[in-house]
């Protein structure tokens, strides 16, 4: 049984790294389900430290698709489909534009970009836009373009949407719907551009499965989670991981 599992796991990952990612998928999905945000970026930070640079965004995209789709199923009746429509129309344009550039970027640049993005998401305020159709389409285009390079753009979407809902479940459901559509488009584009998802299918399946279990766990704490404490701890962990990424990426650029 173990030999069968090993033959379908990526050769570029050590067994300990595989199981680390599977476990982290559970906890980061639970974090997002409980607090509404943060798990995707946390998982991205972990993956960026153990997964080959050119595979980080494609694999993270599919895993997060599974996590967000599972979250959407548990909150389906609370999503705002009008917002999703305008966001998705702009997002398709942004993803197509960014895809052709993302596959040609050097791994060291991806590590530096991810490190900078994670630090920014953890500590700095993110700009806000109005809630009109044009703003939603522009936000969709911009975050989808950026997502082809760094994947975890949910914080940018969250700050725009959070003031539009009085029910916390509404923002969580709509954000899950937006992420589901955005990540499915991104995954298709990466596939068309030649990324070999078949080499990663078992790891992705395991991470999606534990991610869904994490979503179910996190839903139990959605109204009781100590958001302020969790956010501070998340900031500290993300900072450490991001600084490591920046160090490795810059060191590679200096040596090249």
C-alpha atoms as a PDB file:
ATOM      1  CA  UNK A   1       0.000   0.000   0.000  1.00  0.00           C
ATOM      2  CA  UNK A   2       2.751   2.442   0.989  1.00  0.00           C
ATOM      3  CA  UNK A   3       4.706   1.686  -2.200  1.00  0.00           C
ATOM      4  CA  UNK A   4       1.584   2.429  -4.268  1.00  0.00           C
ATOM      5  CA  UNK A   5       1.147   5.769  -2.524  1.00  0.00           C
ATOM      6  CA  UNK A   6       4.799   6.702  -3.007  1.00  0.00           C
ATOM      7  CA  UNK A   7       4.715   6.094  -6.755  1.00  0.00           C
ATOM      8  CA  UNK A   8       1.947   8.695  -7.180  1.00  0.00           C
ATOM      9  CA  UNK A   9       3.553  11.374  -5.025  1.00  0.00           C
ATOM     10  CA  UNK A  10       5.810  14.054  -6.571  1.00  0.00           C
ATOM     11  CA  UNK A  11       9.447  12.937  -6.716  1.00  0.00           C
ATOM     12  CA  UNK A  12      10.550  16.465  -5.846  1.00  0.00           C
ATOM     13  CA  UNK A  13       8.956  16.254  -2.378  1.00  0.00           C
ATOM     14  CA  UNK A  14      10.225  14.274   0.593  1.00  0.00           C
ATOM     15  CA  UNK A  15       7.568  12.128   2.376  1.00  0.00           C
ATOM     16  CA  UNK A  16       7.691  14.380   5.446  1.00  0.00           C
ATOM     17  CA  UNK A  17       6.889  17.408   3.261  1.00  0.00           C
ATOM     18  CA  UNK A  18       3.893  15.609   1.758  1.00  0.00           C
ATOM     19  CA  UNK A  19       2.361  14.844   5.129  1.00  0.00           C
ATOM     20  CA  UNK A  20       3.179  18.319   6.421  1.00  0.00           C
ATOM     21  CA  UNK A  21       1.150  19.794   3.562  1.00  0.00           C
ATOM     22  CA  UNK A  22      -1.734  17.379   4.111  1.00  0.00           C
ATOM     23  CA  UNK A  23      -1.936  18.299   7.803  1.00  0.00           C
ATOM     24  CA  UNK A  24      -1.514  22.028   7.139  1.00  0.00           C
ATOM     25  CA  UNK A  25      -4.373  21.897   4.633  1.00  0.00           C
ATOM     26  CA  UNK A  26      -6.673  20.754   7.442  1.00  0.00           C
ATOM     27  CA  UNK A  27      -5.653  23.470   9.903  1.00  0.00           C
ATOM     28  CA  UNK A  28      -5.560  26.322   7.395  1.00  0.00           C
ATOM     29  CA  UNK A  29      -9.025  25.423   6.070  1.00  0.00           C
ATOM     30  CA  UNK A  30     -10.326  25.335   9.634  1.00  0.00           C
ATOM     31  CA  UNK A  31      -8.773  28.767  10.202  1.00  0.00           C
ATOM     32  CA  UNK A  32     -10.515  30.254   7.179  1.00  0.00           C
ATOM     33  CA  UNK A  33     -13.848  28.612   8.035  1.00  0.00           C
ATOM     34  CA  UNK A  34     -13.685  29.996  11.587  1.00  0.00           C
ATOM     35  CA  UNK A  35     -12.383  33.500  10.878  1.00  0.00           C
ATOM     36  CA  UNK A  36     -13.371  34.058   7.236  1.00  0.00           C
ATOM     37  CA  UNK A  37      -9.822  34.733   6.042  1.00  0.00           C
ATOM     38  CA  UNK A  38      -6.159  33.861   6.507  1.00  0.00           C
ATOM     39  CA  UNK A  39      -5.933  30.141   5.843  1.00  0.00           C
ATOM     40  CA  UNK A  40      -5.166  30.407   2.136  1.00  0.00           C
ATOM     41  CA  UNK A  41      -2.237  32.753   2.663  1.00  0.00           C
ATOM     42  CA  UNK A  42      -0.966  30.626   5.562  1.00  0.00           C
ATOM     43  CA  UNK A  43      -1.037  27.490   3.399  1.00  0.00           C
ATOM     44  CA  UNK A  44       0.658  29.395   0.589  1.00  0.00           C
ATOM     45  CA  UNK A  45       3.457  30.422   2.949  1.00  0.00           C
ATOM     46  CA  UNK A  46       4.039  26.816   4.041  1.00  0.00           C
ATOM     47  CA  UNK A  47       3.945  25.494   0.466  1.00  0.00           C
ATOM     48  CA  UNK A  48       6.351  28.154  -0.716  1.00  0.00           C
ATOM     49  CA  UNK A  49       8.946  26.804   1.691  1.00  0.00           C
ATOM     50  CA  UNK A  50       8.736  23.131   0.640  1.00  0.00           C
ATOM     51  CA  UNK A  51       7.264  22.957  -2.903  1.00  0.00           C
ATOM     52  CA  UNK A  52       9.351  23.679  -6.049  1.00  0.00           C
ATOM     53  CA  UNK A  53       8.748  27.356  -7.021  1.00  0.00           C
ATOM     54  CA  UNK A  54       7.126  26.719 -10.399  1.00  0.00           C
ATOM     55  CA  UNK A  55       4.607  24.289  -8.847  1.00  0.00           C
ATOM     56  CA  UNK A  56       3.549  26.447  -5.880  1.00  0.00           C
ATOM     57  CA  UNK A  57       0.838  28.549  -7.514  1.00  0.00           C
ATOM     58  CA  UNK A  58      -0.738  25.815  -9.720  1.00  0.00           C
ATOM     59  CA  UNK A  59      -0.924  23.279  -6.868  1.00  0.00           C
ATOM     60  CA  UNK A  60      -2.086  25.848  -4.309  1.00  0.00           C
ATOM     61  CA  UNK A  61      -4.744  26.996  -6.778  1.00  0.00           C
ATOM     62  CA  UNK A  62      -6.341  23.548  -7.146  1.00  0.00           C
ATOM     63  CA  UNK A  63      -6.135  22.771  -3.418  1.00  0.00           C
ATOM     64  CA  UNK A  64      -7.772  26.100  -2.577  1.00  0.00           C
ATOM     65  CA  UNK A  65     -10.434  25.480  -5.191  1.00  0.00           C
ATOM     66  CA  UNK A  66     -11.385  22.312  -3.336  1.00  0.00           C
ATOM     67  CA  UNK A  67     -11.319  24.082   0.018  1.00  0.00           C
ATOM     68  CA  UNK A  68     -13.418  27.037  -1.166  1.00  0.00           C
ATOM     69  CA  UNK A  69     -15.893  24.828  -3.014  1.00  0.00           C
ATOM     70  CA  UNK A  70     -16.434  22.785   0.133  1.00  0.00           C
ATOM     71  CA  UNK A  71     -16.894  25.990   2.156  1.00  0.00           C
ATOM     72  CA  UNK A  72     -19.350  27.316  -0.424  1.00  0.00           C
ATOM     73  CA  UNK A  73     -21.447  24.155  -0.153  1.00  0.00           C
ATOM     74  CA  UNK A  74     -21.851  24.719   3.597  1.00  0.00           C
ATOM     75  CA  UNK A  75     -22.886  28.387   3.084  1.00  0.00           C
ATOM     76  CA  UNK A  76     -24.603  28.255  -0.299  1.00  0.00           C
ATOM     77  CA  UNK A  77     -27.712  30.211   0.641  1.00  0.00           C
ATOM     78  CA  UNK A  78     -25.760  33.256   1.858  1.00  0.00           C
ATOM     79  CA  UNK A  79     -23.751  34.090  -1.311  1.00  0.00           C
ATOM     80  CA  UNK A  80     -24.393  37.244  -3.362  1.00  0.00           C
ATOM     81  CA  UNK A  81     -24.451  35.986  -6.967  1.00  0.00           C
ATOM     82  CA  UNK A  82     -24.619  39.496  -8.503  1.00  0.00           C
ATOM     83  CA  UNK A  83     -21.223  40.396  -7.053  1.00  0.00           C
ATOM     84  CA  UNK A  84     -19.858  37.055  -8.254  1.00  0.00           C
ATOM     85  CA  UNK A  85     -21.008  37.743 -11.846  1.00  0.00           C
ATOM     86  CA  UNK A  86     -19.227  41.097 -12.254  1.00  0.00           C
ATOM     87  CA  UNK A  87     -16.120  39.925 -10.431  1.00  0.00           C
ATOM     88  CA  UNK A  88     -15.870  36.831 -12.629  1.00  0.00           C
ATOM     89  CA  UNK A  89     -16.197  38.757 -15.887  1.00  0.00           C
ATOM     90  CA  UNK A  90     -13.220  40.930 -14.991  1.00  0.00           C
ATOM     91  CA  UNK A  91     -11.363  37.987 -13.492  1.00  0.00           C
ATOM     92  CA  UNK A  92     -11.378  36.023 -16.742  1.00  0.00           C
ATOM     93  CA  UNK A  93      -9.580  38.861 -18.533  1.00  0.00           C
ATOM     94  CA  UNK A  94      -6.998  39.256 -15.756  1.00  0.00           C
ATOM     95  CA  UNK A  95      -6.250  35.537 -15.551  1.00  0.00           C
ATOM     96  CA  UNK A  96      -5.702  35.216 -19.307  1.00  0.00           C
ATOM     97  CA  UNK A  97      -3.362  38.206 -19.304  1.00  0.00           C
ATOM     98  CA  UNK A  98      -1.347  37.020 -16.305  1.00  0.00           C
ATOM     99  CA  UNK A  99      -1.070  33.394 -17.346  1.00  0.00           C
ATOM    100  CA  UNK A 100       1.219  33.983 -20.298  1.00  0.00           C
ATOM    101  CA  UNK A 101       3.634  35.931 -18.105  1.00  0.00           C
ATOM    102  CA  UNK A 102       3.572  33.659 -15.044  1.00  0.00           C
ATOM    103  CA  UNK A 103       4.948  30.565 -16.796  1.00  0.00           C
ATOM    104  CA  UNK A 104       8.051  32.458 -17.948  1.00  0.00           C
ATOM    105  CA  UNK A 105       9.076  33.966 -14.609  1.00  0.00           C
ATOM    106  CA  UNK A 106      12.276  32.686 -12.950  1.00  0.00           C
ATOM    107  CA  UNK A 107      11.722  30.660  -9.713  1.00  0.00           C
ATOM    108  CA  UNK A 108      13.740  33.141  -7.630  1.00  0.00           C
ATOM    109  CA  UNK A 109      11.457  36.005  -8.682  1.00  0.00           C
ATOM    110  CA  UNK A 110       8.415  33.933  -7.676  1.00  0.00           C
ATOM    111  CA  UNK A 111       9.896  33.359  -4.212  1.00  0.00           C
ATOM    112  CA  UNK A 112      10.637  37.063  -3.755  1.00  0.00           C
ATOM    113  CA  UNK A 113       7.175  38.042  -4.999  1.00  0.00           C
ATOM    114  CA  UNK A 114       5.494  35.528  -2.687  1.00  0.00           C
ATOM    115  CA  UNK A 115       7.541  36.678   0.303  1.00  0.00           C
ATOM    116  CA  UNK A 116       6.726  40.341  -0.323  1.00  0.00           C
ATOM    117  CA  UNK A 117       3.042  39.578  -0.927  1.00  0.00           C
ATOM    118  CA  UNK A 118       2.712  37.515   2.255  1.00  0.00           C
ATOM    119  CA  UNK A 119       4.359  40.247   4.345  1.00  0.00           C
ATOM    120  CA  UNK A 120       2.085  42.878   2.804  1.00  0.00           C
ATOM    121  CA  UNK A 121      -1.036  40.781   3.396  1.00  0.00           C
ATOM    122  CA  UNK A 122      -0.060  40.140   7.018  1.00  0.00           C
ATOM    123  CA  UNK A 123       0.770  43.659   8.174  1.00  0.00           C
ATOM    124  CA  UNK A 124      -0.256  46.464   5.839  1.00  0.00           C
ATOM    125  CA  UNK A 125      -3.721  47.889   5.101  1.00  0.00           C
ATOM    126  CA  UNK A 126      -5.122  46.873   1.741  1.00  0.00           C
ATOM    127  CA  UNK A 127      -6.719  49.468  -0.515  1.00  0.00           C
ATOM    128  CA  UNK A 128     -10.489  49.746  -0.782  1.00  0.00           C
ATOM    129  CA  UNK A 129     -12.780  50.245  -3.763  1.00  0.00           C
ATOM    130  CA  UNK A 130     -16.469  51.051  -4.136  1.00  0.00           C
ATOM    131  CA  UNK A 131     -18.965  48.238  -4.634  1.00  0.00           C
ATOM    132  CA  UNK A 132     -20.213  49.189  -8.134  1.00  0.00           C
ATOM    133  CA  UNK A 133     -20.148  46.945 -11.189  1.00  0.00           C
ATOM    134  CA  UNK A 134     -17.064  48.609 -12.662  1.00  0.00           C
ATOM    135  CA  UNK A 135     -15.149  48.360  -9.384  1.00  0.00           C
ATOM    136  CA  UNK A 136     -16.067  44.685  -8.994  1.00  0.00           C
ATOM    137  CA  UNK A 137     -14.931  43.955 -12.548  1.00  0.00           C
ATOM    138  CA  UNK A 138     -11.676  45.876 -12.029  1.00  0.00           C
ATOM    139  CA  UNK A 139     -11.064  44.084  -8.739  1.00  0.00           C
ATOM    140  CA  UNK A 140     -11.697  40.774 -10.461  1.00  0.00           C
ATOM    141  CA  UNK A 141      -9.267  41.600 -13.265  1.00  0.00           C
ATOM    142  CA  UNK A 142      -6.554  42.890 -10.940  1.00  0.00           C
ATOM    143  CA  UNK A 143      -6.661  40.085  -8.391  1.00  0.00           C
ATOM    144  CA  UNK A 144      -6.921  37.399 -11.082  1.00  0.00           C
ATOM    145  CA  UNK A 145      -3.859  38.829 -12.842  1.00  0.00           C
ATOM    146  CA  UNK A 146      -1.936  38.955  -9.550  1.00  0.00           C
ATOM    147  CA  UNK A 147      -3.220  35.505  -8.608  1.00  0.00           C
ATOM    148  CA  UNK A 148      -1.403  33.908 -11.536  1.00  0.00           C
ATOM    149  CA  UNK A 149       1.848  34.831  -9.741  1.00  0.00           C
ATOM    150  CA  UNK A 150       1.011  34.610  -6.018  1.00  0.00           C
ATOM    151  CA  UNK A 151      -2.315  32.669  -5.856  1.00  0.00           C
ATOM    152  CA  UNK A 152      -3.556  33.882  -2.441  1.00  0.00           C
ATOM    153  CA  UNK A 153      -5.339  37.146  -3.270  1.00  0.00           C
ATOM    154  CA  UNK A 154      -8.379  36.680  -1.000  1.00  0.00           C
ATOM    155  CA  UNK A 155      -7.283  39.470   1.427  1.00  0.00           C
ATOM    156  CA  UNK A 156      -7.626  42.047  -1.356  1.00  0.00           C
ATOM    157  CA  UNK A 157     -11.148  40.861  -2.153  1.00  0.00           C
ATOM    158  CA  UNK A 158     -12.150  40.610   1.482  1.00  0.00           C
ATOM    159  CA  UNK A 159     -11.520  44.257   2.367  1.00  0.00           C
ATOM    160  CA  UNK A 160     -13.789  45.398  -0.467  1.00  0.00           C
ATOM    161  CA  UNK A 161     -16.627  43.028   0.375  1.00  0.00           C
ATOM    162  CA  UNK A 162     -16.620  43.035   4.166  1.00  0.00           C
ATOM    163  CA  UNK A 163     -18.572  46.307   4.534  1.00  0.00           C
ATOM    164  CA  UNK A 164     -21.287  45.173   2.113  1.00  0.00           C
ATOM    165  CA  UNK A 165     -22.675  42.494   4.437  1.00  0.00           C
ATOM    166  CA  UNK A 166     -24.281  42.640   7.863  1.00  0.00           C
ATOM    167  CA  UNK A 167     -24.201  38.844   8.235  1.00  0.00           C
ATOM    168  CA  UNK A 168     -20.709  37.380   8.588  1.00  0.00           C
ATOM    169  CA  UNK A 169     -21.861  34.305   6.717  1.00  0.00           C
ATOM    170  CA  UNK A 170     -22.697  36.452   3.693  1.00  0.00           C
ATOM    171  CA  UNK A 171     -19.144  37.693   3.239  1.00  0.00           C
ATOM    172  CA  UNK A 172     -17.735  34.216   3.859  1.00  0.00           C
ATOM    173  CA  UNK A 173     -20.086  32.614   1.311  1.00  0.00           C
ATOM    174  CA  UNK A 174     -19.538  35.275  -1.356  1.00  0.00           C
ATOM    175  CA  UNK A 175     -15.777  35.192  -0.899  1.00  0.00           C
ATOM    176  CA  UNK A 176     -15.832  31.397  -1.177  1.00  0.00           C
ATOM    177  CA  UNK A 177     -17.887  31.648  -4.396  1.00  0.00           C
ATOM    178  CA  UNK A 178     -15.514  34.227  -5.891  1.00  0.00           C
ATOM    179  CA  UNK A 179     -12.457  32.173  -4.972  1.00  0.00           C
ATOM    180  CA  UNK A 180     -14.016  29.001  -6.382  1.00  0.00           C
ATOM    181  CA  UNK A 181     -14.618  30.610  -9.778  1.00  0.00           C
ATOM    182  CA  UNK A 182     -11.287  32.454  -9.805  1.00  0.00           C
ATOM    183  CA  UNK A 183      -9.288  29.357  -8.909  1.00  0.00           C
ATOM    184  CA  UNK A 184     -11.072  27.102 -11.389  1.00  0.00           C
ATOM    185  CA  UNK A 185     -10.263  29.525 -14.223  1.00  0.00           C
ATOM    186  CA  UNK A 186      -6.666  29.794 -13.029  1.00  0.00           C
ATOM    187  CA  UNK A 187      -6.274  26.006 -12.883  1.00  0.00           C
ATOM    188  CA  UNK A 188      -7.604  25.588 -16.419  1.00  0.00           C
ATOM    189  CA  UNK A 189      -5.187  28.216 -17.727  1.00  0.00           C
ATOM    190  CA  UNK A 190      -2.211  26.578 -16.010  1.00  0.00           C
ATOM    191  CA  UNK A 191      -3.254  23.256 -17.512  1.00  0.00           C
ATOM    192  CA  UNK A 192      -3.532  24.735 -20.999  1.00  0.00           C
ATOM    193  CA  UNK A 193      -0.108  26.331 -20.555  1.00  0.00           C
ATOM    194  CA  UNK A 194       1.439  22.935 -19.864  1.00  0.00           C
ATOM    195  CA  UNK A 195       1.602  22.422 -16.088  1.00  0.00           C
ATOM    196  CA  UNK A 196       1.621  18.662 -15.384  1.00  0.00           C
ATOM    197  CA  UNK A 197      -1.114  18.359 -12.746  1.00  0.00           C
ATOM    198  CA  UNK A 198      -1.079  14.561 -13.141  1.00  0.00           C
ATOM    199  CA  UNK A 199       2.206  14.405 -11.223  1.00  0.00           C
ATOM    200  CA  UNK A 200       0.564  16.079  -8.263  1.00  0.00           C
ATOM    201  CA  UNK A 201      -2.925  14.547  -8.328  1.00  0.00           C
ATOM    202  CA  UNK A 202      -2.637  12.368  -5.197  1.00  0.00           C
ATOM    203  CA  UNK A 203      -1.152  15.123  -3.047  1.00  0.00           C
ATOM    204  CA  UNK A 204      -3.839  17.519  -4.279  1.00  0.00           C
ATOM    205  CA  UNK A 205      -6.591  14.976  -3.552  1.00  0.00           C
ATOM    206  CA  UNK A 206      -5.293  14.348  -0.024  1.00  0.00           C
ATOM    207  CA  UNK A 207      -5.014  18.079   0.689  1.00  0.00           C
ATOM    208  CA  UNK A 208      -8.529  18.738  -0.617  1.00  0.00           C
ATOM    209  CA  UNK A 209      -9.906  15.932   1.550  1.00  0.00           C
ATOM    210  CA  UNK A 210      -8.258  17.177   4.748  1.00  0.00           C
ATOM    211  CA  UNK A 211      -9.130  20.737   3.779  1.00  0.00           C
ATOM    212  CA  UNK A 212     -12.834  19.834   3.641  1.00  0.00           C
ATOM    213  CA  UNK A 213     -12.577  18.203   7.058  1.00  0.00           C
ATOM    214  CA  UNK A 214     -10.945  21.384   8.292  1.00  0.00           C
ATOM    215  CA  UNK A 215     -13.810  23.442   6.867  1.00  0.00           C
ATOM    216  CA  UNK A 216     -16.344  21.343   8.768  1.00  0.00           C
ATOM    217  CA  UNK A 217     -14.303  21.757  11.943  1.00  0.00           C
ATOM    218  CA  UNK A 218     -13.901  25.511  11.520  1.00  0.00           C
ATOM    219  CA  UNK A 219     -17.640  25.995  10.948  1.00  0.00           C
ATOM    220  CA  UNK A 220     -18.210  24.850  14.527  1.00  0.00           C
ATOM    221  CA  UNK A 221     -16.258  27.867  15.771  1.00  0.00           C
ATOM    222  CA  UNK A 222     -17.415  30.525  13.305  1.00  0.00           C
ATOM    223  CA  UNK A 223     -19.231  32.544  15.969  1.00  0.00           C
ATOM    224  CA  UNK A 224     -16.862  31.782  18.861  1.00  0.00           C
ATOM    225  CA  UNK A 225     -13.350  32.154  17.418  1.00  0.00           C
ATOM    226  CA  UNK A 226     -11.088  34.713  19.201  1.00  0.00           C
ATOM    227  CA  UNK A 227     -10.374  36.621  15.988  1.00  0.00           C
ATOM    228  CA  UNK A 228      -7.923  39.174  17.438  1.00  0.00           C
ATOM    229  CA  UNK A 229      -5.627  36.586  19.051  1.00  0.00           C
ATOM    230  CA  UNK A 230      -5.732  34.290  16.033  1.00  0.00           C
ATOM    231  CA  UNK A 231      -4.916  37.185  13.704  1.00  0.00           C
ATOM    232  CA  UNK A 232      -1.865  38.191  15.765  1.00  0.00           C
ATOM    233  CA  UNK A 233      -0.507  34.643  15.879  1.00  0.00           C
ATOM    234  CA  UNK A 234      -1.100  34.293  12.149  1.00  0.00           C
ATOM    235  CA  UNK A 235       0.830  37.506  11.492  1.00  0.00           C
ATOM    236  CA  UNK A 236       3.845  36.216  13.400  1.00  0.00           C
ATOM    237  CA  UNK A 237       3.915  32.853  11.600  1.00  0.00           C
ATOM    238  CA  UNK A 238       3.437  34.451   8.184  1.00  0.00           C
ATOM    239  CA  UNK A 239       6.229  36.941   8.846  1.00  0.00           C
ATOM    240  CA  UNK A 240       8.740  34.209   9.701  1.00  0.00           C
ATOM    241  CA  UNK A 241       7.848  32.181   6.590  1.00  0.00           C
ATOM    242  CA  UNK A 242       7.844  35.236   4.335  1.00  0.00           C
ATOM    243  CA  UNK A 243      11.253  36.410   5.534  1.00  0.00           C
ATOM    244  CA  UNK A 244      12.685  32.985   4.769  1.00  0.00           C
ATOM    245  CA  UNK A 245      11.248  33.141   1.255  1.00  0.00           C
ATOM    246  CA  UNK A 246      12.724  36.589   0.686  1.00  0.00           C
ATOM    247  CA  UNK A 247      16.127  35.444   1.939  1.00  0.00           C
ATOM    248  CA  UNK A 248      16.215  32.362  -0.319  1.00  0.00           C
ATOM    249  CA  UNK A 249      14.916  34.230  -3.360  1.00  0.00           C
ATOM    250  CA  UNK A 250      17.281  37.188  -3.023  1.00  0.00           C
ATOM    251  CA  UNK A 251      20.235  34.858  -2.401  1.00  0.00           C
ATOM    252  CA  UNK A 252      19.479  33.019  -5.637  1.00  0.00           C
ATOM    253  CA  UNK A 253      19.183  36.253  -7.575  1.00  0.00           C
ATOM    254  CA  UNK A 254      22.517  37.486  -6.218  1.00  0.00           C
ATOM    255  CA  UNK A 255      24.254  34.230  -7.154  1.00  0.00           C
ATOM    256  CA  UNK A 256      22.825  34.134 -10.672  1.00  0.00           C
END
